[in-house]
Amino acid sequence: MALQVERRLERIQSHKGVLGSAVINPEGKVLRTSMDTTTTNQYANMCKNLASMARGTVRDVDPADDLLILRVRTKEHEVIIAPERTGDGTFFIVALQSIRNVAPEGSIALL
């Protein structure tokens, strides 16, 4: 995995309120994670589906456009999904954070 992705993951993990991060491929296979197996698999599957639907919707509107970031916020957590393209291929960086410890605009700078 590219060094810049490793550095990005370290930076994400250093933010207050971040519960974990993961890197998944477009098929939902986990390439790297800081979360337990159950949580990782749950979010990897969800993120794969959400990112695929969101990317398809963006491209339906404008075929030249692409998904840059997807944020899903619940009462307890925020999931941030960012596609990453490197020489190794395309994959998703996923961050899970508690919204209790973060200002509303705090998640914008995560990825």
C-alpha atoms as a PDB file:
ATOM      1  CA  MET A   1       0.000   0.000   0.000  1.00  0.00           C
ATOM      2  CA  ALA A   2       1.288   3.450  -0.840  1.00  0.00           C
ATOM      3  CA  LEU A   3       3.192   5.340   1.825  1.00  0.00           C
ATOM      4  CA  GLN A   4       0.862   8.333   1.501  1.00  0.00           C
ATOM      5  CA  VAL A   5      -2.107   6.119   2.410  1.00  0.00           C
ATOM      6  CA  GLU A   6      -0.282   4.804   5.480  1.00  0.00           C
ATOM      7  CA  ARG A   7       0.435   8.373   6.563  1.00  0.00           C
ATOM      8  CA  ARG A   8      -3.175   9.365   5.973  1.00  0.00           C
ATOM      9  CA  LEU A   9      -4.369   6.486   8.172  1.00  0.00           C
ATOM     10  CA  GLU A  10      -1.999   7.545  10.950  1.00  0.00           C
ATOM     11  CA  ARG A  11      -3.286  11.116  10.697  1.00  0.00           C
ATOM     12  CA  ILE A  12      -6.910   9.942  10.796  1.00  0.00           C
ATOM     13  CA  GLN A  13      -6.291   7.801  13.881  1.00  0.00           C
ATOM     14  CA  SER A  14      -4.727  10.761  15.701  1.00  0.00           C
ATOM     15  CA  HIS A  15      -7.958  12.806  15.580  1.00  0.00           C
ATOM     16  CA  LYS A  16     -10.064  13.071  18.707  1.00  0.00           C
ATOM     17  CA  GLY A  17     -13.181  10.921  18.525  1.00  0.00           C
ATOM     18  CA  VAL A  18     -11.935   8.507  15.864  1.00  0.00           C
ATOM     19  CA  LEU A  19     -12.920   4.986  16.864  1.00  0.00           C
ATOM     20  CA  GLY A  20     -11.189   3.246  14.004  1.00  0.00           C
ATOM     21  CA  SER A  21     -10.207   3.240  10.370  1.00  0.00           C
ATOM     22  CA  ALA A  22      -9.954   0.699   7.607  1.00  0.00           C
ATOM     23  CA  VAL A  23      -8.899   0.313   4.014  1.00  0.00           C
ATOM     24  CA  ILE A  24     -11.151  -1.853   1.864  1.00  0.00           C
ATOM     25  CA  ASN A  25     -11.111  -2.755  -1.805  1.00  0.00           C
ATOM     26  CA  PRO A  26     -14.166  -2.286  -4.081  1.00  0.00           C
ATOM     27  CA  GLU A  27     -15.236  -5.893  -3.406  1.00  0.00           C
ATOM     28  CA  GLY A  28     -15.322  -5.253   0.352  1.00  0.00           C
ATOM     29  CA  LYS A  29     -12.135  -7.140   1.232  1.00  0.00           C
ATOM     30  CA  VAL A  30     -10.366  -5.549   4.188  1.00  0.00           C
ATOM     31  CA  LEU A  31      -6.772  -4.587   3.383  1.00  0.00           C
ATOM     32  CA  ARG A  32      -5.963  -2.893   6.694  1.00  0.00           C
ATOM     33  CA  THR A  33      -7.906  -2.045   9.836  1.00  0.00           C
ATOM     34  CA  SER A  34      -7.541  -0.681  13.331  1.00  0.00           C
ATOM     35  CA  MET A  35     -10.898  -2.098  14.475  1.00  0.00           C
ATOM     36  CA  ASP A  36     -11.919  -5.533  15.734  1.00  0.00           C
ATOM     37  CA  THR A  37     -12.945  -8.151  13.164  1.00  0.00           C
ATOM     38  CA  THR A  38     -16.704  -7.977  13.766  1.00  0.00           C
ATOM     39  CA  THR A  39     -16.858  -4.185  13.532  1.00  0.00           C
ATOM     40  CA  THR A  40     -14.534  -4.125  10.534  1.00  0.00           C
ATOM     41  CA  ASN A  41     -16.578  -6.681   8.581  1.00  0.00           C
ATOM     42  CA  GLN A  42     -19.834  -4.920   9.391  1.00  0.00           C
ATOM     43  CA  TYR A  43     -18.576  -1.546   8.190  1.00  0.00           C
ATOM     44  CA  ALA A  44     -16.632  -2.942   5.221  1.00  0.00           C
ATOM     45  CA  ASN A  45     -19.764  -4.562   3.830  1.00  0.00           C
ATOM     46  CA  MET A  46     -21.882  -1.469   4.409  1.00  0.00           C
ATOM     47  CA  CYS A  47     -19.262   0.897   2.973  1.00  0.00           C
ATOM     48  CA  LYS A  48     -18.771  -1.204  -0.136  1.00  0.00           C
ATOM     49  CA  ASN A  49     -22.490  -1.021  -0.902  1.00  0.00           C
ATOM     50  CA  LEU A  50     -22.946   2.649  -0.005  1.00  0.00           C
ATOM     51  CA  ALA A  51     -19.905   3.822  -1.945  1.00  0.00           C
ATOM     52  CA  SER A  52     -20.924   1.819  -4.992  1.00  0.00           C
ATOM     53  CA  MET A  53     -24.458   3.263  -4.964  1.00  0.00           C
ATOM     54  CA  ALA A  54     -23.241   6.814  -4.332  1.00  0.00           C
ATOM     55  CA  ARG A  55     -20.626   6.615  -7.073  1.00  0.00           C
ATOM     56  CA  GLY A  56     -23.214   5.259  -9.517  1.00  0.00           C
ATOM     57  CA  THR A  57     -25.617   8.067  -8.642  1.00  0.00           C
ATOM     58  CA  VAL A  58     -22.941  10.732  -9.141  1.00  0.00           C
ATOM     59  CA  ARG A  59     -22.031   9.251 -12.516  1.00  0.00           C
ATOM     60  CA  ASP A  60     -25.703   9.024 -13.558  1.00  0.00           C
ATOM     61  CA  VAL A  61     -25.979  12.769 -13.044  1.00  0.00           C
ATOM     62  CA  ASP A  62     -22.663  13.566 -14.752  1.00  0.00           C
ATOM     63  CA  PRO A  63     -20.599  10.752 -16.328  1.00  0.00           C
ATOM     64  CA  ALA A  64     -17.448  12.892 -16.114  1.00  0.00           C
ATOM     65  CA  ASP A  65     -17.812  13.402 -12.355  1.00  0.00           C
ATOM     66  CA  ASP A  66     -16.775  11.028  -9.564  1.00  0.00           C
ATOM     67  CA  LEU A  67     -17.355  10.438  -5.865  1.00  0.00           C
ATOM     68  CA  LEU A  68     -14.772  12.184  -3.665  1.00  0.00           C
ATOM     69  CA  ILE A  69     -16.138  11.597  -0.170  1.00  0.00           C
ATOM     70  CA  LEU A  70     -19.252  10.134   1.424  1.00  0.00           C
ATOM     71  CA  ARG A  71     -20.350  10.932   4.966  1.00  0.00           C
ATOM     72  CA  VAL A  72     -23.096   9.110   6.841  1.00  0.00           C
ATOM     73  CA  ARG A  73     -24.043  10.468  10.239  1.00  0.00           C
ATOM     74  CA  THR A  74     -26.225   8.783  12.850  1.00  0.00           C
ATOM     75  CA  LYS A  75     -27.090   9.770  16.408  1.00  0.00           C
ATOM     76  CA  GLU A  76     -23.933   8.115  17.715  1.00  0.00           C
ATOM     77  CA  HIS A  77     -21.386   7.870  14.882  1.00  0.00           C
ATOM     78  CA  GLU A  78     -20.220   9.269  11.615  1.00  0.00           C
ATOM     79  CA  VAL A  79     -18.795   7.058   8.886  1.00  0.00           C
ATOM     80  CA  ILE A  80     -16.598   8.788   6.330  1.00  0.00           C
ATOM     81  CA  ILE A  81     -15.726   6.958   3.122  1.00  0.00           C
ATOM     82  CA  ALA A  82     -13.153   8.300   0.676  1.00  0.00           C
ATOM     83  CA  PRO A  83     -12.135   6.567  -2.552  1.00  0.00           C
ATOM     84  CA  GLU A  84      -8.373   6.478  -3.036  1.00  0.00           C
ATOM     85  CA  ARG A  85      -6.664   5.779  -6.341  1.00  0.00           C
ATOM     86  CA  THR A  86      -3.008   4.797  -6.407  1.00  0.00           C
ATOM     87  CA  GLY A  87      -0.735   2.747  -8.606  1.00  0.00           C
ATOM     88  CA  ASP A  88      -1.960  -0.270  -6.617  1.00  0.00           C
ATOM     89  CA  GLY A  89      -5.561   0.303  -7.739  1.00  0.00           C
ATOM     90  CA  THR A  90      -8.686   1.772  -6.225  1.00  0.00           C
ATOM     91  CA  PHE A  91      -9.783   1.246  -2.646  1.00  0.00           C
ATOM     92  CA  PHE A  92     -11.733   3.033   0.066  1.00  0.00           C
ATOM     93  CA  ILE A  93     -10.422   4.652   3.218  1.00  0.00           C
ATOM     94  CA  VAL A  94     -13.071   4.405   5.920  1.00  0.00           C
ATOM     95  CA  ALA A  95     -13.097   6.306   9.202  1.00  0.00           C
ATOM     96  CA  LEU A  96     -15.529   5.721  12.040  1.00  0.00           C
ATOM     97  CA  GLN A  97     -15.857   8.435  14.634  1.00  0.00           C
ATOM     98  CA  SER A  98     -18.010   9.188  17.630  1.00  0.00           C
ATOM     99  CA  ILE A  99     -19.939  12.406  17.171  1.00  0.00           C
ATOM    100  CA  ARG A 100     -20.007  13.001  20.928  1.00  0.00           C
ATOM    101  CA  ASN A 101     -16.360  14.113  21.033  1.00  0.00           C
ATOM    102  CA  VAL A 102     -16.220  16.062  17.784  1.00  0.00           C
ATOM    103  CA  ALA A 103     -17.502  19.470  16.757  1.00  0.00           C
ATOM    104  CA  PRO A 104     -19.996  19.327  13.861  1.00  0.00           C
ATOM    105  CA  GLU A 105     -17.395  20.608  11.395  1.00  0.00           C
ATOM    106  CA  GLY A 106     -14.573  18.505  12.909  1.00  0.00           C
ATOM    107  CA  SER A 107     -14.923  15.549  10.580  1.00  0.00           C
ATOM    108  CA  ILE A 108     -14.365  17.545   7.423  1.00  0.00           C
ATOM    109  CA  ALA A 109     -10.596  17.631   7.924  1.00  0.00           C
ATOM    110  CA  LEU A 110     -10.263  13.918   8.722  1.00  0.00           C
ATOM    111  CA  LEU A 111      -9.591  12.680   5.226  1.00  0.00           C
END
